[in-house]
Amino acid sequence: MSQQITLCDQNDLVANSGICAIVDGQQIAIFYLPNESPQIYAIGNWDPIGKANVLSRGMVGDINERLVVASPLYKQHFDLLTGECLDDNDVTVPVYKVKLASDQVLLTL
């Protein structure tokens, strides 16, 4: 049985950018892309190449119609839907199921 927890309110989000939340000691990068569907994406904040919790501070965009965030350290691109690193097929980050409901960002565990 799945459980939902509230990560933050919609007004905590920054359009076309990321923020970080901590759930059970894990940092989660949450991205709000108001012109996309869905509008909310969440991946692990840990950059496995740069070895730091920084992905929430990366630039979002798209490459070949894939929504990505570029790590602020070495600029590798991570797919917001799959967690795949577009620059290194052997590297991925966790992806989390999130949604926006009643002005709250909900994470499904």
N, C-alpha and C. Protein backbone atom coordinates (compact mmCIF):
# COMPACT_ATOMS: atom_id res chain seq x y z
N MET A 1 0.84 -1.18 0.00
CA MET A 1 0.00 0.00 0.00
C MET A 1 0.89 1.25 0.00
N SER A 2 0.61 2.17 -0.91
CA SER A 2 1.43 3.37 -1.00
C SER A 2 0.93 4.45 -0.05
N GLN A 3 1.85 5.30 0.32
CA GLN A 3 1.56 6.39 1.24
C GLN A 3 2.03 7.68 0.60
N GLN A 4 1.31 8.78 0.82
CA GLN A 4 1.72 10.07 0.30
C GLN A 4 2.11 10.98 1.45
N ILE A 5 3.18 11.72 1.24
CA ILE A 5 3.59 12.72 2.22
C ILE A 5 3.73 14.06 1.50
N THR A 6 3.49 15.13 2.23
CA THR A 6 3.63 16.47 1.68
C THR A 6 5.08 16.90 1.78
N LEU A 7 5.65 17.28 0.63
CA LEU A 7 7.03 17.76 0.60
C LEU A 7 7.11 19.26 0.84
N CYS A 8 6.19 20.00 0.22
CA CYS A 8 6.20 21.46 0.35
C CYS A 8 4.90 22.00 -0.24
N ASP A 9 4.71 23.29 -0.13
CA ASP A 9 3.57 23.97 -0.75
C ASP A 9 3.98 24.47 -2.13
N GLN A 10 3.02 24.67 -3.00
CA GLN A 10 3.32 25.15 -4.34
C GLN A 10 4.04 26.50 -4.31
N ASN A 11 3.70 27.35 -3.34
CA ASN A 11 4.35 28.66 -3.28
C ASN A 11 5.82 28.57 -2.83
N ASP A 12 6.27 27.39 -2.40
CA ASP A 12 7.69 27.19 -2.09
C ASP A 12 8.51 26.92 -3.36
N LEU A 13 7.82 26.58 -4.44
CA LEU A 13 8.50 26.23 -5.69
C LEU A 13 8.91 27.47 -6.46
N VAL A 14 9.93 27.31 -7.29
CA VAL A 14 10.41 28.37 -8.16
C VAL A 14 10.20 27.89 -9.59
N ALA A 15 9.45 28.66 -10.37
CA ALA A 15 9.14 28.25 -11.75
C ALA A 15 10.41 28.02 -12.56
N ASN A 16 10.44 26.92 -13.30
CA ASN A 16 11.54 26.55 -14.18
C ASN A 16 12.87 26.40 -13.46
N SER A 17 12.77 25.93 -12.22
CA SER A 17 13.96 25.76 -11.38
C SER A 17 13.71 24.64 -10.38
N GLY A 18 14.72 24.39 -9.53
CA GLY A 18 14.60 23.33 -8.55
C GLY A 18 14.76 23.81 -7.13
N ILE A 19 14.24 23.01 -6.20
CA ILE A 19 14.46 23.19 -4.77
C ILE A 19 14.81 21.82 -4.21
N CYS A 20 15.25 21.78 -2.97
CA CYS A 20 15.62 20.52 -2.35
C CYS A 20 14.75 20.26 -1.12
N ALA A 21 14.33 19.00 -0.97
CA ALA A 21 13.61 18.56 0.23
C ALA A 21 14.35 17.35 0.79
N ILE A 22 14.24 17.14 2.09
CA ILE A 22 14.87 15.98 2.72
C ILE A 22 13.78 15.07 3.26
N VAL A 23 13.82 13.81 2.83
CA VAL A 23 12.85 12.81 3.26
C VAL A 23 13.63 11.61 3.77
N ASP A 24 13.44 11.27 5.03
CA ASP A 24 14.14 10.13 5.64
C ASP A 24 15.65 10.19 5.40
N GLY A 25 16.21 11.38 5.51
CA GLY A 25 17.65 11.56 5.34
C GLY A 25 18.13 11.63 3.91
N GLN A 26 17.23 11.47 2.94
CA GLN A 26 17.60 11.52 1.52
C GLN A 26 17.21 12.88 0.94
N GLN A 27 18.13 13.49 0.22
CA GLN A 27 17.82 14.76 -0.44
C GLN A 27 17.15 14.48 -1.78
N ILE A 28 16.05 15.19 -2.02
CA ILE A 28 15.29 15.05 -3.25
C ILE A 28 15.23 16.41 -3.94
N ALA A 29 15.61 16.43 -5.21
CA ALA A 29 15.53 17.65 -6.02
C ALA A 29 14.15 17.69 -6.67
N ILE A 30 13.41 18.78 -6.43
CA ILE A 30 12.05 18.94 -6.96
C ILE A 30 12.08 20.08 -7.97
N PHE A 31 11.58 19.80 -9.17
CA PHE A 31 11.58 20.79 -10.24
C PHE A 31 10.15 21.14 -10.62
N TYR A 32 9.90 22.45 -10.74
CA TYR A 32 8.58 22.96 -11.11
C TYR A 32 8.67 23.58 -12.50
N LEU A 33 8.04 22.90 -13.45
CA LEU A 33 8.04 23.36 -14.84
C LEU A 33 6.59 23.63 -15.23
N PRO A 34 6.10 24.87 -14.98
CA PRO A 34 4.67 25.16 -15.13
C PRO A 34 4.14 25.01 -16.55
N ASN A 35 4.99 25.03 -17.55
CA ASN A 35 4.53 24.90 -18.94
C ASN A 35 4.59 23.48 -19.46
N GLU A 36 4.92 22.52 -18.60
CA GLU A 36 5.02 21.11 -19.00
C GLU A 36 3.89 20.31 -18.37
N SER A 37 3.74 19.10 -18.83
CA SER A 37 2.77 18.19 -18.23
C SER A 37 3.44 16.83 -18.05
N PRO A 38 3.62 16.39 -16.82
CA PRO A 38 3.23 17.05 -15.57
C PRO A 38 4.11 18.28 -15.29
N GLN A 39 3.73 19.04 -14.28
CA GLN A 39 4.46 20.25 -13.93
C GLN A 39 5.54 20.01 -12.88
N ILE A 40 5.47 18.90 -12.16
CA ILE A 40 6.38 18.61 -11.05
C ILE A 40 7.18 17.35 -11.35
N TYR A 41 8.50 17.41 -11.10
CA TYR A 41 9.41 16.28 -11.29
C TYR A 41 10.31 16.18 -10.06
N ALA A 42 10.73 14.98 -9.73
CA ALA A 42 11.62 14.81 -8.57
C ALA A 42 12.63 13.71 -8.85
N ILE A 43 13.88 14.03 -8.59
CA ILE A 43 14.98 13.08 -8.72
C ILE A 43 15.87 13.22 -7.49
N GLY A 44 16.79 12.27 -7.32
CA GLY A 44 17.76 12.40 -6.24
C GLY A 44 18.60 13.65 -6.43
N ASN A 45 18.93 14.30 -5.36
CA ASN A 45 19.73 15.54 -5.44
C ASN A 45 21.23 15.25 -5.57
N TRP A 46 21.65 14.01 -5.28
CA TRP A 46 23.06 13.63 -5.32
C TRP A 46 23.54 13.50 -6.77
N ASP A 47 24.55 14.26 -7.13
CA ASP A 47 25.19 14.14 -8.44
C ASP A 47 26.26 13.06 -8.31
N PRO A 48 26.05 11.88 -8.90
CA PRO A 48 26.99 10.79 -8.73
C PRO A 48 28.33 11.01 -9.44
N ILE A 49 28.40 11.94 -10.35
CA ILE A 49 29.66 12.25 -11.04
C ILE A 49 30.43 13.32 -10.27
N GLY A 50 29.73 14.38 -9.87
CA GLY A 50 30.38 15.46 -9.12
C GLY A 50 30.52 15.16 -7.64
N LYS A 51 29.84 14.10 -7.16
CA LYS A 51 29.92 13.65 -5.76
C LYS A 51 29.48 14.74 -4.77
N ALA A 52 28.31 15.36 -5.08
CA ALA A 52 27.77 16.39 -4.19
C ALA A 52 26.25 16.48 -4.39
N ASN A 53 25.56 16.95 -3.36
CA ASN A 53 24.11 17.17 -3.44
C ASN A 53 23.84 18.53 -4.07
N VAL A 54 23.74 18.55 -5.41
CA VAL A 54 23.63 19.83 -6.11
C VAL A 54 22.62 19.86 -7.25
N LEU A 55 22.00 18.74 -7.59
CA LEU A 55 21.17 18.72 -8.80
C LEU A 55 19.99 19.69 -8.73
N SER A 56 19.49 19.98 -7.54
CA SER A 56 18.39 20.94 -7.42
C SER A 56 18.80 22.34 -7.86
N ARG A 57 20.09 22.60 -7.92
CA ARG A 57 20.60 23.91 -8.32
C ARG A 57 20.98 23.97 -9.80
N GLY A 58 20.74 22.87 -10.52
CA GLY A 58 21.10 22.83 -11.94
C GLY A 58 20.10 23.55 -12.81
N MET A 59 20.50 23.79 -14.06
CA MET A 59 19.63 24.44 -15.05
C MET A 59 18.76 23.39 -15.72
N VAL A 60 17.47 23.70 -15.87
CA VAL A 60 16.56 22.77 -16.54
C VAL A 60 16.38 23.19 -18.00
N GLY A 61 16.09 22.19 -18.82
CA GLY A 61 15.88 22.45 -20.24
C GLY A 61 15.46 21.16 -20.91
N ASP A 62 15.65 21.10 -22.21
CA ASP A 62 15.35 19.85 -22.91
C ASP A 62 16.43 19.58 -23.95
N ILE A 63 16.69 18.31 -24.14
CA ILE A 63 17.62 17.84 -25.16
C ILE A 63 16.88 16.76 -25.94
N ASN A 64 16.71 16.98 -27.22
CA ASN A 64 15.99 16.03 -28.07
C ASN A 64 14.63 15.66 -27.47
N GLU A 65 13.92 16.68 -27.01
CA GLU A 65 12.57 16.54 -26.43
C GLU A 65 12.54 15.76 -25.11
N ARG A 66 13.67 15.63 -24.45
CA ARG A 66 13.73 15.03 -23.12
C ARG A 66 14.00 16.13 -22.11
N LEU A 67 13.15 16.21 -21.07
CA LEU A 67 13.35 17.21 -20.02
C LEU A 67 14.54 16.80 -19.17
N VAL A 68 15.47 17.72 -18.97
CA VAL A 68 16.69 17.41 -18.26
C VAL A 68 17.06 18.52 -17.29
N VAL A 69 17.94 18.15 -16.36
CA VAL A 69 18.62 19.14 -15.53
C VAL A 69 20.11 18.93 -15.77
N ALA A 70 20.82 20.04 -15.92
CA ALA A 70 22.28 19.99 -16.09
C ALA A 70 22.92 20.20 -14.73
N SER A 71 23.78 19.28 -14.33
CA SER A 71 24.46 19.43 -13.05
C SER A 71 25.25 20.73 -13.05
N PRO A 72 25.19 21.49 -11.95
CA PRO A 72 25.97 22.73 -11.89
C PRO A 72 27.48 22.48 -11.77
N LEU A 73 27.90 21.24 -11.52
CA LEU A 73 29.32 20.96 -11.37
C LEU A 73 30.01 20.69 -12.70
N TYR A 74 29.68 19.57 -13.33
CA TYR A 74 30.37 19.20 -14.57
C TYR A 74 29.44 19.19 -15.77
N LYS A 75 28.21 19.66 -15.59
CA LYS A 75 27.24 19.88 -16.66
C LYS A 75 26.67 18.62 -17.30
N GLN A 76 26.77 17.46 -16.65
CA GLN A 76 26.10 16.28 -17.18
C GLN A 76 24.59 16.52 -17.09
N HIS A 77 23.87 15.94 -18.04
CA HIS A 77 22.42 16.11 -18.13
C HIS A 77 21.70 14.87 -17.63
N PHE A 78 20.76 15.07 -16.72
CA PHE A 78 19.98 13.98 -16.15
C PHE A 78 18.52 14.14 -16.57
N ASP A 79 17.94 13.07 -17.12
CA ASP A 79 16.55 13.05 -17.57
C ASP A 79 15.64 13.12 -16.35
N LEU A 80 14.70 14.06 -16.35
CA LEU A 80 13.81 14.25 -15.20
C LEU A 80 12.76 13.15 -15.08
N LEU A 81 12.48 12.42 -16.15
CA LEU A 81 11.50 11.33 -16.09
C LEU A 81 12.11 9.99 -15.72
N THR A 82 13.34 9.75 -16.17
CA THR A 82 13.95 8.43 -15.99
C THR A 82 15.14 8.42 -15.04
N GLY A 83 15.76 9.57 -14.81
CA GLY A 83 16.96 9.65 -13.98
C GLY A 83 18.23 9.30 -14.73
N GLU A 84 18.11 8.95 -16.02
CA GLU A 84 19.29 8.57 -16.81
C GLU A 84 20.19 9.77 -17.06
N CYS A 85 21.49 9.52 -17.04
CA CYS A 85 22.47 10.53 -17.43
C CYS A 85 22.64 10.44 -18.95
N LEU A 86 22.35 11.50 -19.66
CA LEU A 86 22.45 11.49 -21.11
C LEU A 86 23.90 11.44 -21.58
N ASP A 87 24.83 11.78 -20.71
CA ASP A 87 26.24 11.85 -21.08
C ASP A 87 27.02 10.60 -20.69
N ASP A 88 26.42 9.74 -19.88
CA ASP A 88 27.08 8.51 -19.44
C ASP A 88 26.00 7.47 -19.15
N ASN A 89 25.83 6.53 -20.07
CA ASN A 89 24.75 5.54 -19.97
C ASN A 89 24.83 4.66 -18.72
N ASP A 90 25.97 4.61 -18.06
CA ASP A 90 26.13 3.78 -16.87
C ASP A 90 25.70 4.48 -15.59
N VAL A 91 25.30 5.75 -15.69
CA VAL A 91 24.98 6.55 -14.50
C VAL A 91 23.50 6.91 -14.50
N THR A 92 22.86 6.74 -13.34
CA THR A 92 21.47 7.17 -13.15
C THR A 92 21.31 7.77 -11.76
N VAL A 93 20.24 8.49 -11.58
CA VAL A 93 19.85 8.99 -10.25
C VAL A 93 18.43 8.50 -9.99
N PRO A 94 18.03 8.36 -8.73
CA PRO A 94 16.67 7.91 -8.43
C PRO A 94 15.63 8.91 -8.91
N VAL A 95 14.48 8.39 -9.30
CA VAL A 95 13.33 9.20 -9.69
C VAL A 95 12.22 8.94 -8.68
N TYR A 96 11.54 10.00 -8.28
CA TYR A 96 10.48 9.89 -7.29
C TYR A 96 9.15 10.28 -7.90
N LYS A 97 8.09 9.62 -7.46
CA LYS A 97 6.74 9.90 -7.95
C LYS A 97 6.17 11.05 -7.12
N VAL A 98 5.94 12.17 -7.79
CA VAL A 98 5.40 13.36 -7.13
C VAL A 98 4.24 13.91 -7.96
N LYS A 99 3.39 14.68 -7.28
CA LYS A 99 2.32 15.37 -7.98
C LYS A 99 1.94 16.62 -7.22
N LEU A 100 1.29 17.52 -7.93
CA LEU A 100 0.78 18.75 -7.34
C LEU A 100 -0.72 18.57 -7.12
N ALA A 101 -1.16 18.71 -5.88
CA ALA A 101 -2.57 18.55 -5.54
C ALA A 101 -2.94 19.54 -4.44
N SER A 102 -3.97 20.30 -4.69
CA SER A 102 -4.45 21.30 -3.69
C SER A 102 -3.31 22.18 -3.21
N ASP A 103 -2.48 22.65 -4.14
CA ASP A 103 -1.37 23.55 -3.84
C ASP A 103 -0.29 22.94 -2.98
N GLN A 104 -0.23 21.61 -2.95
CA GLN A 104 0.82 20.92 -2.20
C GLN A 104 1.54 19.94 -3.13
N VAL A 105 2.83 19.79 -2.91
CA VAL A 105 3.61 18.80 -3.64
C VAL A 105 3.61 17.53 -2.80
N LEU A 106 3.06 16.46 -3.38
CA LEU A 106 2.94 15.19 -2.68
C LEU A 106 3.90 14.15 -3.26
N LEU A 107 4.56 13.44 -2.38
CA LEU A 107 5.48 12.35 -2.75
C LEU A 107 4.80 11.04 -2.40
N THR A 108 4.79 10.10 -3.36
CA THR A 108 4.25 8.77 -3.09
C THR A 108 5.38 7.84 -2.70
N LEU A 109 5.25 7.21 -1.54
CA LEU A 109 6.26 6.27 -1.05
C LEU A 109 5.86 4.85 -1.39
